[in-house]
C-alpha atoms as a PDB file:
ATOM      1  CA  LEU A   1       0.000   0.000   0.000  1.00  0.00           C
ATOM      2  CA  GLY A   2       1.343   3.425  -0.851  1.00  0.00           C
ATOM      3  CA  LEU A   3       0.807   6.738  -2.543  1.00  0.00           C
ATOM      4  CA  GLY A   4       0.096   6.788  -6.243  1.00  0.00           C
ATOM      5  CA  ASP A   5      -0.802   8.770  -9.332  1.00  0.00           C
ATOM      6  CA  SER A   6      -4.172   8.492 -11.012  1.00  0.00           C
ATOM      7  CA  ASP A   7      -4.549  10.504 -14.216  1.00  0.00           C
ATOM      8  CA  CYS A   8      -5.523  10.258 -17.868  1.00  0.00           C
ATOM      9  CA  TYR A   9      -2.260  10.182 -19.812  1.00  0.00           C
ATOM     10  CA  HIS A  10      -3.908   9.639 -23.206  1.00  0.00           C
ATOM     11  CA  ASN A  11      -5.267  13.115 -23.864  1.00  0.00           C
ATOM     12  CA  THR A  12      -4.246  16.334 -25.605  1.00  0.00           C
ATOM     13  CA  ARG A  13      -2.528  17.616 -22.459  1.00  0.00           C
ATOM     14  CA  HIS A  14      -0.119  14.675 -22.722  1.00  0.00           C
ATOM     15  CA  GLY A  15       0.121  14.567 -26.521  1.00  0.00           C
ATOM     16  CA  ASN A  16      -2.315  11.627 -26.778  1.00  0.00           C
ATOM     17  CA  ASP A  17       0.481   9.291 -25.760  1.00  0.00           C
ATOM     18  CA  THR A  18       0.210   7.066 -22.697  1.00  0.00           C
ATOM     19  CA  ASN A  19       3.999   6.649 -22.784  1.00  0.00           C
ATOM     20  CA  VAL A  20       4.287  10.102 -21.171  1.00  0.00           C
ATOM     21  CA  VAL A  21       3.594   8.388 -17.844  1.00  0.00           C
ATOM     22  CA  LYS A  22       7.075   6.805 -18.009  1.00  0.00           C
ATOM     23  CA  ALA A  23       8.726  10.239 -17.827  1.00  0.00           C
ATOM     24  CA  VAL A  24       6.417  11.257 -14.983  1.00  0.00           C
ATOM     25  CA  ALA A  25       7.390   8.109 -13.075  1.00  0.00           C
ATOM     26  CA  SER A  26      11.076   8.865 -13.660  1.00  0.00           C
ATOM     27  CA  LYS A  27      10.575  12.358 -12.285  1.00  0.00           C
ATOM     28  CA  TYR A  28       8.889  10.921  -9.186  1.00  0.00           C
ATOM     29  CA  ARG A  29      11.960   8.738  -8.621  1.00  0.00           C
ATOM     30  CA  ASP A  30      14.393  11.598  -9.344  1.00  0.00           C
ATOM     31  CA  MET A  31      12.612  13.695  -6.710  1.00  0.00           C
ATOM     32  CA  ARG A  32      12.537  10.717  -4.297  1.00  0.00           C
ATOM     33  CA  LEU A  33       8.765  10.905  -3.919  1.00  0.00           C
ATOM     34  CA  PRO A  34       7.310   7.911  -2.032  1.00  0.00           C
ATOM     35  CA  ALA A  35       4.957   6.770  -4.786  1.00  0.00           C
ATOM     36  CA  SER A  36       4.159   3.124  -5.477  1.00  0.00           C
ATOM     37  CA  TRP A  37       1.494   2.907  -8.203  1.00  0.00           C
ATOM     38  CA  PHE A  38       0.021   4.520 -11.338  1.00  0.00           C
ATOM     39  CA  LEU A  39      -3.382   4.366 -12.993  1.00  0.00           C
ATOM     40  CA  PRO A  40      -2.501   5.840 -16.409  1.00  0.00           C
ATOM     41  CA  ASN A  41      -6.020   5.795 -17.859  1.00  0.00           C
ATOM     42  CA  ASP A  42      -8.074   7.433 -15.092  1.00  0.00           C
ATOM     43  CA  GLY A  43     -10.738   9.529 -16.789  1.00  0.00           C
ATOM     44  CA  TYR A  44     -13.961   9.046 -18.729  1.00  0.00           C
ATOM     45  CA  GLY A  45     -13.109   8.147 -22.308  1.00  0.00           C
ATOM     46  CA  CYS A  46      -9.430   7.668 -21.503  1.00  0.00           C
ATOM     47  CA  GLY A  47      -7.751   4.559 -22.789  1.00  0.00           C
ATOM     48  CA  PHE A  48      -4.131   3.656 -23.385  1.00  0.00           C
ATOM     49  CA  GLY A  49      -2.161   4.084 -26.581  1.00  0.00           C
ATOM     50  CA  LYS A  50      -0.661   6.631 -28.956  1.00  0.00           C
ATOM     51  CA  GLY A  51      -2.450   8.921 -31.381  1.00  0.00           C
ATOM     52  CA  ASP A  52      -5.866  10.483 -31.737  1.00  0.00           C
ATOM     53  CA  ALA A  53      -8.000   7.349 -31.289  1.00  0.00           C
ATOM     54  CA  VAL A  54     -10.894   7.765 -28.886  1.00  0.00           C
ATOM     55  CA  PHE A  55     -10.742   5.351 -25.931  1.00  0.00           C
ATOM     56  CA  PRO A  56      -7.861   3.297 -27.376  1.00  0.00           C
ATOM     57  CA  SER A  57      -6.869  -0.168 -26.154  1.00  0.00           C
ATOM     58  CA  ASP A  58      -3.346  -0.478 -27.558  1.00  0.00           C
ATOM     59  CA  PHE A  59      -1.887  -3.437 -25.695  1.00  0.00           C
ATOM     60  CA  ASP A  60       1.598  -2.941 -27.142  1.00  0.00           C
ATOM     61  CA  THR A  61       1.676   0.486 -25.479  1.00  0.00           C
ATOM     62  CA  LEU A  62       0.246  -0.884 -22.235  1.00  0.00           C
ATOM     63  CA  ASP A  63       2.845  -3.680 -22.218  1.00  0.00           C
ATOM     64  CA  GLU A  64       5.665  -1.117 -22.645  1.00  0.00           C
ATOM     65  CA  VAL A  65       4.296   1.175 -19.947  1.00  0.00           C
ATOM     66  CA  VAL A  66       3.798  -1.595 -17.393  1.00  0.00           C
ATOM     67  CA  LYS A  67       7.244  -3.046 -18.042  1.00  0.00           C
ATOM     68  CA  ASP A  68       8.934   0.339 -17.654  1.00  0.00           C
ATOM     69  CA  LEU A  69       6.998   1.363 -14.558  1.00  0.00           C
ATOM     70  CA  ASN A  70       7.594  -2.037 -12.926  1.00  0.00           C
ATOM     71  CA  ARG A  71      11.314  -1.596 -13.620  1.00  0.00           C
ATOM     72  CA  GLN A  72      11.106   1.726 -11.770  1.00  0.00           C
ATOM     73  CA  GLY A  73       9.401   0.028  -8.815  1.00  0.00           C
ATOM     74  CA  PHE A  74       5.780   0.969  -9.517  1.00  0.00           C
ATOM     75  CA  GLN A  75       2.710  -1.227  -9.795  1.00  0.00           C
ATOM     76  CA  VAL A  76       0.305  -0.345 -12.600  1.00  0.00           C
ATOM     77  CA  GLY A  77      -3.453  -0.564 -12.700  1.00  0.00           C
ATOM     78  CA  LEU A  78      -6.317   0.553 -14.878  1.00  0.00           C
ATOM     79  CA  TRP A  79      -9.596   2.322 -14.273  1.00  0.00           C
ATOM     80  CA  SER A  80     -12.805   1.192 -15.893  1.00  0.00           C
ATOM     81  CA  SER A  81     -16.108   2.960 -16.290  1.00  0.00           C
ATOM     82  CA  THR A  82     -17.553   0.306 -18.601  1.00  0.00           C
ATOM     83  CA  GLY A  83     -16.768  -3.093 -17.099  1.00  0.00           C
ATOM     84  CA  LEU A  84     -13.815  -5.451 -17.380  1.00  0.00           C
ATOM     85  CA  PRO A  85     -13.974  -6.875 -20.916  1.00  0.00           C
ATOM     86  CA  ASN A  86     -10.172  -7.139 -21.296  1.00  0.00           C
ATOM     87  CA  ILE A  87      -9.183  -7.882 -17.705  1.00  0.00           C
ATOM     88  CA  SER A  88      -7.549 -11.229 -18.566  1.00  0.00           C
ATOM     89  CA  ARG A  89      -5.293  -9.590 -21.156  1.00  0.00           C
ATOM     90  CA  GLU A  90      -4.571  -6.578 -18.947  1.00  0.00           C
ATOM     91  CA  VAL A  91      -3.521  -8.755 -15.989  1.00  0.00           C
ATOM     92  CA  ALA A  92      -2.035 -11.885 -17.544  1.00  0.00           C
ATOM     93  CA  GLY A  93      -0.652 -10.238 -20.672  1.00  0.00           C
ATOM     94  CA  SER A  94       0.422  -6.757 -19.582  1.00  0.00           C
ATOM     95  CA  GLY A  95       0.923  -7.349 -15.874  1.00  0.00           C
ATOM     96  CA  THR A  96      -1.440  -4.768 -14.393  1.00  0.00           C
ATOM     97  CA  ARG A  97      -2.133  -5.392 -10.716  1.00  0.00           C
ATOM     98  CA  ILE A  98      -4.699  -2.773  -9.706  1.00  0.00           C
ATOM     99  CA  GLY A  99      -8.276  -2.337 -10.867  1.00  0.00           C
ATOM    100  CA  LYS A 100     -10.330   0.743 -10.116  1.00  0.00           C
ATOM    101  CA  THR A 101     -14.016   0.399 -10.901  1.00  0.00           C
ATOM    102  CA  ASP A 102     -16.658   3.070 -11.372  1.00  0.00           C
ATOM    103  CA  VAL A 103     -20.012   3.505  -9.721  1.00  0.00           C
ATOM    104  CA  GLY A 104     -21.484   3.767 -13.226  1.00  0.00           C
ATOM    105  CA  TRP A 105     -21.327   0.005 -13.648  1.00  0.00           C
ATOM    106  CA  ILE A 106     -21.144  -1.391 -10.114  1.00  0.00           C
ATOM    107  CA  GLY A 107     -24.226   0.565  -9.021  1.00  0.00           C
ATOM    108  CA  ASP A 108     -24.946   0.665  -5.303  1.00  0.00           C
ATOM    109  CA  GLY A 109     -22.343  -2.003  -4.576  1.00  0.00           C
ATOM    110  CA  TYR A 110     -20.201   0.558  -2.792  1.00  0.00           C
ATOM    111  CA  ARG A 111     -22.847   1.269  -0.143  1.00  0.00           C
ATOM    112  CA  TYR A 112     -23.008  -0.580   3.156  1.00  0.00           C
END
C-alpha cells in the first residue's frame, strides 16, 4: 500500500500518448517521492495508446508502460467505467495489478 498517481495520460494535455507516464514516473523517482502505483487511464473516455484514437486499447503500449513502470518500482493498474472486458489480457498479458471500478457500472455495490 502506498501513494500513487491516477490521471488520464492519453489526452491532448499529454500529446495523446500514454507513454508520457514513463517520464512522470522517472521524475517521481528523481525527486525521491514515495509513490508506489500509477493508474494511467483514469478519466472518462481515456484509454491507453498513442495517437488520436478515442478510448484506445493499444496493448503494445500498455505492455511497454507496465514493463517500464515495474522496472522503476511501480505497480500499474487501470480504471474502468464500462466493465472489465479485457481484464484477462490486462492482468495476464500486460501485468497490471490494480483495478479501479466506477459507480457507473457497479451501481450501489459501494454502499453498506
